[in-house]
Amino acid sequence: MDIVHKSQVTQMFTSHKRQMFRVAVCVVAAVAGCAALAAKPAVTVSASLRDGSTVKGDFLTKKITGATLFEKNLALAPSLVRSINFSGTNGESKVELSNGDHFAMTVSNDVFAVRSLLGNLKIPRASFRSLTLASRSATTKGGSSGGLVYHCTFNSREEVSRPKLGPHGFIMAGDFTKGVDGLALHVPPYTSAARFKLPPGTIGRKGTIEFWGKIDEGMARLTTGGCPRFFEIICYEPRDEISQDWNSNNGTGGAGLTFRIGGLPVMASSSFAKYPSYDFIKDNLYGWHHYALVWDADGVVLSNGTTATAAVFIDGKTVLTTSAANWNGPPLANHRSFLVFPSREDEMPSYARVGYSIDEFKIWGYAKTDFQ
């Protein structure tokens, strides 16, 4: 009897362990399933509306659908899309994907759903000027989310006061001339033209500033004081800046094309001891040229396989680079700053000695190196 009893107890104990093991496996599987669901990145959106409003929140629309030249019925997962810029109210748009691909698309969604602080909103497609999307898991520490965070077209006074994407601005002077896409802002010499207040986080530890610039016909001459300076981002506390100059002496021994970004060595194409020139644009001195400043605290990988902390591109080609160890991004990243065209007020009107036109000024939250 004792032997039979012990055997029964052993069988019961073994059966109990097996059941507990099955339960444990189920719990682990459930936790893994929940983790997989949690790891699925939520897509955030910053939307610019045609009435000048900006709406931010979670993007709830499951698919972005429409037609392109290469696919009549295209459906895009929002996590693949970086930005959509609408050229009209009938769905015509330019789409950029997260890998840098871009193409024209006629979007067919009637509405887009956004979860904002105001609740769940369904906003008609025709009300949008642009959408900037980003996976929450890709958000950079202390900076922007990886998409387009600022875009001024300079098509009119109204589009300077209310840019396509980003904070409202204040236009003080200048007029409008033919640009690379619509109109552009023309800034005469010694003139403060426009000013924007950038909230903390607009500039991150990685990013890109790109624009089109054109020097006034017959005005090109390199002296001190901006010939021209196209833009400056200035933060007064802490004192820091991001800026560009054509200059004969930038105050640090550099000349020619100069770019500054806080915490990194100044990039300059020449030395003030030599005769500086408009070297990178001399073949078309008074034409439109595309400028881009790109930075990444983890390194910008260039087309030749090298890495730099920051780089300058002219017309899509790398022309200047700089590197520094233990750099964690521009000091102004987490502070309020001001974007000014061409320079901060305490330098004016003695600065900016050559007039220019500027168009399509954009700030991105990632290091963009493809400027087709």
Protein backbone atom coordinates (compact mmCIF):
# COMPACT_ATOMS: atom_id res chain seq x y z
CA MET A 1 0.00 0.00 0.00
CA ASP A 2 2.82 2.37 0.84
CA ILE A 3 4.50 1.62 -2.47
CA VAL A 4 1.31 2.27 -4.47
CA HIS A 5 0.67 5.49 -2.52
CA LYS A 6 4.16 6.81 -3.22
CA SER A 7 3.79 6.00 -6.92
CA GLN A 8 0.48 7.85 -7.10
CA VAL A 9 1.99 10.84 -5.34
CA THR A 10 4.95 10.85 -7.74
CA GLN A 11 2.63 10.73 -10.76
CA MET A 12 0.51 13.56 -9.36
CA PHE A 13 3.61 15.68 -8.67
CA THR A 14 5.02 15.01 -12.15
CA SER A 15 1.67 15.88 -13.73
CA HIS A 16 1.51 19.08 -11.67
CA LYS A 17 5.02 20.12 -12.82
CA ARG A 18 4.04 19.55 -16.44
CA GLN A 19 0.95 21.71 -16.03
CA MET A 20 2.98 24.45 -14.36
CA PHE A 21 5.52 24.27 -17.20
CA ARG A 22 2.72 24.65 -19.77
CA VAL A 23 1.35 27.64 -17.86
CA ALA A 24 4.84 29.17 -17.70
CA VAL A 25 5.30 28.68 -21.45
CA CYS A 26 1.92 30.32 -22.10
CA VAL A 27 2.82 33.25 -19.84
CA VAL A 28 6.18 33.71 -21.56
CA ALA A 29 4.50 33.53 -24.97
CA ALA A 30 1.89 36.06 -23.90
CA VAL A 31 4.56 38.42 -22.55
CA ALA A 32 6.57 38.01 -25.75
CA GLY A 33 3.46 38.76 -27.78
CA CYS A 34 2.77 41.88 -25.72
CA ALA A 35 6.41 42.94 -26.11
CA ALA A 36 6.16 42.49 -29.85
CA LEU A 37 3.04 44.62 -29.91
CA ALA A 38 4.69 47.24 -27.69
CA ALA A 39 7.76 47.28 -29.94
CA LYS A 40 5.65 48.12 -32.97
CA PRO A 41 6.47 51.81 -33.44
CA ALA A 42 3.64 54.31 -33.11
CA VAL A 43 3.67 56.94 -35.84
CA THR A 44 3.52 60.57 -34.81
CA VAL A 45 2.50 63.43 -37.05
CA SER A 46 3.05 67.16 -37.31
CA ALA A 47 0.45 68.49 -39.71
CA SER A 48 0.29 71.94 -41.26
CA LEU A 49 -3.22 73.01 -42.29
CA ARG A 50 -4.25 75.54 -44.91
CA ASP A 51 -5.76 77.89 -42.34
CA GLY A 52 -2.34 78.27 -40.69
CA SER A 53 -3.00 75.78 -37.90
CA THR A 54 -0.56 73.09 -36.79
CA VAL A 55 -1.81 69.79 -35.34
CA LYS A 56 0.48 67.29 -33.63
CA GLY A 57 -0.22 63.85 -32.21
CA ASP A 58 -0.48 60.15 -33.12
CA PHE A 59 -1.27 59.31 -36.74
CA LEU A 60 -4.18 56.85 -36.69
CA THR A 61 -4.76 56.30 -40.41
CA LYS A 62 -3.63 52.75 -41.24
CA LYS A 63 -2.73 53.24 -44.92
CA ILE A 64 -1.93 56.18 -47.16
CA THR A 65 -3.40 55.34 -50.55
CA GLY A 66 -3.24 56.87 -53.99
CA ALA A 67 -1.89 56.71 -57.53
CA THR A 68 1.57 57.30 -58.99
CA LEU A 69 3.11 56.93 -62.44
CA PHE A 70 4.49 53.53 -61.46
CA GLU A 71 1.52 52.17 -59.45
CA LYS A 72 -2.16 53.01 -59.95
CA ASN A 73 -3.21 51.60 -56.56
CA LEU A 74 -0.40 52.29 -54.11
CA ALA A 75 -0.89 51.74 -50.37
CA LEU A 76 1.83 52.97 -48.02
CA ALA A 77 2.26 52.12 -44.36
CA PRO A 78 2.63 55.44 -42.48
CA SER A 79 5.86 54.16 -40.88
CA LEU A 80 7.47 54.20 -44.36
CA VAL A 81 6.61 57.85 -45.02
CA ARG A 82 8.67 60.82 -43.91
CA SER A 83 6.63 63.67 -45.39
CA ILE A 84 3.79 64.56 -47.75
CA ASN A 85 3.58 68.06 -49.20
CA PHE A 86 0.30 68.87 -50.95
CA SER A 87 0.38 71.20 -53.94
CA GLY A 88 -3.40 71.56 -54.10
CA THR A 89 -6.66 70.34 -52.58
CA ASN A 90 -7.26 67.43 -54.97
CA GLY A 91 -4.61 65.14 -53.49
CA GLU A 92 -1.67 66.12 -55.71
CA SER A 93 1.43 65.83 -53.56
CA LYS A 94 5.13 65.12 -53.30
CA VAL A 95 5.92 62.17 -51.03
CA GLU A 96 9.26 61.44 -49.37
CA LEU A 97 9.91 58.05 -47.81
CA SER A 98 12.04 57.37 -44.75
CA ASN A 99 14.89 56.08 -46.95
CA GLY A 100 15.02 59.32 -48.97
CA ASP A 101 13.00 58.15 -52.00
CA HIS A 102 10.62 60.81 -53.28
CA PHE A 103 7.92 60.85 -55.95
CA ALA A 104 4.68 62.51 -57.03
CA MET A 105 1.46 60.94 -55.80
CA THR A 106 -2.23 61.74 -55.98
CA VAL A 107 -3.44 60.83 -52.49
CA SER A 108 -6.92 59.31 -52.38
CA ASN A 109 -7.61 59.24 -48.61
CA ASP A 110 -10.65 61.43 -47.94
CA VAL A 111 -9.57 62.13 -44.35
CA PHE A 112 -6.62 61.58 -42.04
CA ALA A 113 -7.15 60.57 -38.42
CA VAL A 114 -5.03 62.17 -35.69
CA ARG A 115 -5.13 61.64 -31.93
CA SER A 116 -4.23 65.04 -30.46
CA LEU A 117 -4.67 66.82 -27.15
CA LEU A 118 -8.10 67.83 -28.47
CA GLY A 119 -9.10 64.18 -28.87
CA ASN A 120 -9.44 61.97 -31.94
CA LEU A 121 -9.75 64.17 -35.03
CA LYS A 122 -10.75 63.30 -38.59
CA ILE A 123 -9.42 66.06 -40.80
CA PRO A 124 -10.34 66.28 -44.52
CA ARG A 125 -7.40 65.73 -46.86
CA ALA A 126 -8.11 69.03 -48.64
CA SER A 127 -7.39 70.91 -45.39
CA PHE A 128 -3.73 69.80 -45.28
CA ARG A 129 -0.71 71.66 -46.59
CA SER A 130 1.78 69.06 -45.35
CA LEU A 131 2.22 66.02 -43.13
CA THR A 132 5.49 65.09 -41.41
CA LEU A 133 5.51 61.57 -40.00
CA ALA A 134 7.96 59.77 -37.72
CA SER A 135 8.02 56.51 -35.78
CA ARG A 136 8.13 57.30 -32.09
CA SER A 137 10.92 54.76 -31.63
CA ALA A 138 13.08 56.82 -34.02
CA THR A 139 12.76 60.06 -32.08
CA THR A 140 16.18 61.51 -31.33
CA LYS A 141 17.13 62.36 -27.75
CA GLY A 142 16.84 66.05 -27.03
CA GLY A 143 15.88 66.87 -30.59
CA SER A 144 13.39 66.52 -33.35
CA SER A 145 11.74 63.37 -34.62
CA GLY A 146 13.59 62.74 -37.85
CA GLY A 147 11.22 64.33 -40.36
CA LEU A 148 10.84 67.82 -41.78
CA VAL A 149 10.46 70.23 -38.85
CA TYR A 150 10.56 73.59 -40.64
CA HIS A 151 9.82 74.69 -44.20
CA CYS A 152 9.47 78.22 -45.55
CA THR A 153 8.68 78.54 -49.25
CA PHE A 154 9.10 82.36 -49.41
CA ASN A 155 6.25 82.49 -51.93
CA SER A 156 4.60 85.54 -50.33
CA ARG A 157 4.50 87.70 -47.21
CA GLU A 158 1.76 85.41 -45.92
CA GLU A 159 3.92 82.30 -46.39
CA VAL A 160 6.74 83.96 -44.47
CA SER A 161 4.38 84.97 -41.67
CA ARG A 162 2.88 81.47 -41.72
CA PRO A 163 5.47 79.01 -43.12
CA LYS A 164 4.45 75.74 -44.70
CA LEU A 165 5.72 74.00 -41.57
CA GLY A 166 7.00 75.48 -38.34
CA PRO A 167 6.45 78.56 -36.18
CA HIS A 168 5.04 81.83 -37.47
CA GLY A 169 7.51 84.45 -38.63
CA PHE A 170 7.81 88.20 -38.90
CA ILE A 171 8.82 89.85 -42.17
CA MET A 172 10.47 93.25 -41.85
CA ALA A 173 11.76 94.07 -45.33
CA GLY A 174 12.64 92.64 -48.72
CA ASP A 175 10.58 91.84 -51.78
CA PHE A 176 9.71 88.77 -53.82
CA THR A 177 11.35 87.60 -57.01
CA LYS A 178 11.38 84.50 -59.20
CA GLY A 179 12.72 81.52 -57.26
CA VAL A 180 13.55 77.88 -57.93
CA ASP A 181 9.98 76.90 -57.00
CA GLY A 182 7.49 79.76 -57.19
CA LEU A 183 8.79 82.96 -55.64
CA ALA A 184 11.80 83.69 -53.45
CA LEU A 185 12.63 86.37 -50.88
CA HIS A 186 15.07 89.03 -52.11
CA VAL A 187 17.12 90.64 -49.33
CA PRO A 188 18.91 93.93 -50.23
CA PRO A 189 22.32 94.71 -48.67
CA TYR A 190 22.38 95.89 -45.03
CA THR A 191 18.76 94.82 -44.52
CA SER A 192 17.11 92.78 -41.75
CA ALA A 193 14.45 90.88 -43.67
CA ALA A 194 12.74 88.16 -41.58
CA ARG A 195 12.76 86.59 -38.15
CA PHE A 196 11.35 83.35 -36.65
CA LYS A 197 11.29 82.10 -33.06
CA LEU A 198 12.29 78.42 -32.96
CA PRO A 199 11.07 76.40 -29.96
CA PRO A 200 13.44 74.07 -28.06
CA GLY A 201 13.96 70.79 -29.89
CA THR A 202 13.69 72.23 -33.41
CA ILE A 203 17.43 71.59 -33.73
CA GLY A 204 18.59 68.15 -32.56
CA ARG A 205 21.82 66.22 -32.14
CA LYS A 206 21.45 65.28 -35.78
CA GLY A 207 19.87 67.33 -38.52
CA THR A 208 20.03 69.11 -41.86
CA ILE A 209 19.54 72.71 -42.95
CA GLU A 210 19.09 73.15 -46.69
CA PHE A 211 18.10 76.07 -48.93
CA TRP A 212 18.58 77.65 -52.32
CA GLY A 213 20.61 80.87 -52.47
CA LYS A 214 21.45 83.36 -55.23
CA ILE A 215 23.84 86.31 -55.03
CA ASP A 216 22.63 89.61 -56.52
CA GLU A 217 23.78 90.15 -60.09
CA GLY A 218 27.00 92.17 -60.25
CA MET A 219 27.32 92.40 -56.45
CA ALA A 220 29.73 89.53 -55.65
CA ARG A 221 32.77 90.78 -53.74
CA LEU A 222 34.38 89.24 -50.68
CA THR A 223 34.97 91.58 -47.77
CA THR A 224 34.31 91.12 -44.08
CA GLY A 225 30.73 91.14 -42.88
CA GLY A 226 28.70 88.65 -44.91
CA CYS A 227 28.98 88.69 -48.71
CA PRO A 228 26.31 87.45 -48.36
CA ARG A 229 25.25 85.78 -45.15
CA PHE A 230 22.15 83.85 -46.10
CA PHE A 231 20.93 82.97 -42.60
CA GLU A 232 21.75 82.67 -38.91
CA ILE A 233 20.20 80.68 -36.06
CA ILE A 234 21.13 82.46 -32.84
CA CYS A 235 20.55 81.46 -29.22
CA TYR A 236 21.32 84.08 -26.58
CA GLU A 237 21.36 81.78 -23.55
CA PRO A 238 23.49 79.77 -23.91
CA ARG A 239 25.25 81.90 -26.48
CA ASP A 240 25.43 79.72 -29.56
CA GLU A 241 24.82 79.92 -33.30
CA ILE A 242 24.51 78.10 -36.60
CA SER A 243 25.28 80.30 -39.59
CA GLN A 244 26.68 80.63 -43.08
CA ASP A 245 28.87 83.30 -44.68
CA TRP A 246 30.74 84.19 -47.80
CA ASN A 247 33.53 86.28 -46.29
CA SER A 248 37.11 87.50 -46.65
CA ASN A 249 37.81 87.07 -42.91
CA ASN A 250 35.41 85.31 -40.59
CA GLY A 251 37.29 86.23 -37.42
CA THR A 252 38.80 82.76 -36.91
CA GLY A 253 41.34 82.82 -39.72
CA GLY A 254 38.93 81.46 -42.32
CA ALA A 255 37.59 82.94 -45.53
CA GLY A 256 35.57 82.06 -48.60
CA LEU A 257 32.61 79.86 -47.77
CA THR A 258 32.17 79.56 -43.99
CA PHE A 259 29.73 77.50 -41.93
CA ARG A 260 29.49 77.57 -38.13
CA ILE A 261 27.72 75.09 -35.90
CA GLY A 262 28.13 75.35 -32.13
CA GLY A 263 30.77 73.17 -30.49
CA LEU A 264 32.53 72.18 -33.74
CA PRO A 265 35.54 73.72 -35.50
CA VAL A 266 34.45 76.36 -38.03
CA MET A 267 34.42 75.12 -41.61
CA ALA A 268 36.01 77.46 -44.15
CA SER A 269 37.05 76.95 -47.76
CA SER A 270 40.10 79.25 -47.63
CA SER A 271 42.36 81.28 -45.35
CA PHE A 272 42.15 85.04 -44.95
CA ALA A 273 45.91 85.14 -45.63
CA LYS A 274 45.20 83.98 -49.18
CA TYR A 275 43.06 85.66 -51.78
CA PRO A 276 39.64 84.07 -51.13
CA SER A 277 37.13 83.50 -53.88
CA TYR A 278 33.64 82.20 -54.51
CA ASP A 279 35.39 78.95 -55.32
CA PHE A 280 32.52 76.45 -55.23
CA ILE A 281 30.12 78.52 -57.35
CA LYS A 282 32.52 80.50 -59.57
CA ASP A 283 31.34 78.76 -62.75
CA ASN A 284 27.85 80.19 -62.21
CA LEU A 285 28.47 82.98 -59.75
CA TYR A 286 25.08 84.67 -60.06
CA GLY A 287 22.98 81.56 -60.50
CA TRP A 288 20.88 79.60 -58.02
CA HIS A 289 22.84 77.15 -55.89
CA HIS A 290 21.69 74.57 -53.35
CA TYR A 291 23.35 74.77 -49.92
CA ALA A 292 23.08 72.16 -47.17
CA LEU A 293 24.60 71.83 -43.70
CA VAL A 294 24.38 68.28 -42.31
CA TRP A 295 25.41 67.09 -38.84
CA ASP A 296 25.16 63.99 -36.67
CA ALA A 297 26.76 63.44 -33.26
CA ASP A 298 27.15 59.78 -34.24
CA GLY A 299 28.75 60.64 -37.58
CA VAL A 300 27.63 61.53 -41.11
CA VAL A 301 28.58 58.82 -43.62
CA LEU A 302 29.67 60.46 -46.88
CA SER A 303 29.55 59.06 -50.42
CA ASN A 304 33.27 58.24 -50.40
CA GLY A 305 32.85 56.05 -47.32
CA THR A 306 34.41 58.50 -44.85
CA THR A 307 32.64 59.84 -41.77
CA ALA A 308 32.46 63.40 -40.43
CA THR A 309 30.61 65.05 -37.58
CA ALA A 310 29.30 67.74 -39.93
CA ALA A 311 29.50 68.41 -43.65
CA VAL A 312 28.53 71.09 -46.15
CA PHE A 313 27.08 70.28 -49.56
CA ILE A 314 26.91 72.66 -52.53
CA ASP A 315 24.70 71.53 -55.41
CA GLY A 316 24.70 68.03 -53.93
CA LYS A 317 28.48 67.67 -53.62
CA THR A 318 30.44 67.54 -50.36
CA VAL A 319 32.71 70.60 -50.14
CA LEU A 320 33.52 71.05 -46.42
CA THR A 321 33.69 68.73 -43.41
CA THR A 322 34.59 68.95 -39.73
CA SER A 323 34.85 66.42 -36.90
CA ALA A 324 35.13 66.45 -33.12
CA ALA A 325 35.16 63.72 -30.50
CA ASN A 326 32.53 63.63 -27.73
CA TRP A 327 30.30 66.22 -29.43
CA ASN A 328 26.65 65.73 -28.46
CA GLY A 329 24.98 68.13 -30.85
CA PRO A 330 24.58 71.93 -31.02
CA PRO A 331 24.38 73.53 -27.53
CA LEU A 332 21.29 75.50 -28.62
CA ALA A 333 19.31 72.29 -29.30
CA ASN A 334 17.26 72.33 -26.09
CA HIS A 335 16.82 76.10 -25.90
CA ARG A 336 14.75 78.73 -27.63
CA SER A 337 16.55 80.24 -30.59
CA PHE A 338 15.87 82.64 -33.45
CA LEU A 339 16.17 82.02 -37.18
CA VAL A 340 17.03 85.30 -38.89
CA PHE A 341 17.59 86.37 -42.49
CA PRO A 342 20.34 87.41 -42.85
CA SER A 343 21.78 88.11 -39.37
CA ARG A 344 20.91 89.02 -35.79
CA GLU A 345 19.81 92.59 -35.14
CA ASP A 346 22.87 93.68 -33.11
CA GLU A 347 25.05 93.08 -36.20
CA MET A 348 22.82 95.06 -38.52
CA PRO A 349 22.91 97.16 -40.62
CA SER A 350 26.71 97.01 -40.85
CA TYR A 351 26.63 93.29 -41.65
CA ALA A 352 25.28 91.60 -44.80
CA ARG A 353 27.10 93.71 -47.37
CA VAL A 354 25.89 91.84 -50.44
CA GLY A 355 22.26 91.32 -51.40
CA TYR A 356 20.80 87.92 -52.22
CA SER A 357 17.68 85.86 -52.82
CA ILE A 358 16.72 82.77 -50.81
CA ASP A 359 14.17 80.02 -51.44
CA GLU A 360 12.86 76.73 -50.00
CA PHE A 361 14.53 76.88 -46.58
CA LYS A 362 14.11 73.57 -44.72
CA ILE A 363 15.23 72.07 -41.41
CA TRP A 364 15.20 68.27 -41.04
CA GLY A 365 15.56 66.15 -37.93
CA TYR A 366 18.01 63.73 -39.53
CA ALA A 367 21.32 63.83 -41.41
CA LYS A 368 20.23 64.02 -45.03
CA THR A 369 22.93 63.43 -47.66
CA ASP A 370 20.91 62.84 -50.83
CA PHE A 371 20.01 66.14 -52.51
CA GLN A 372 18.83 65.07 -55.94
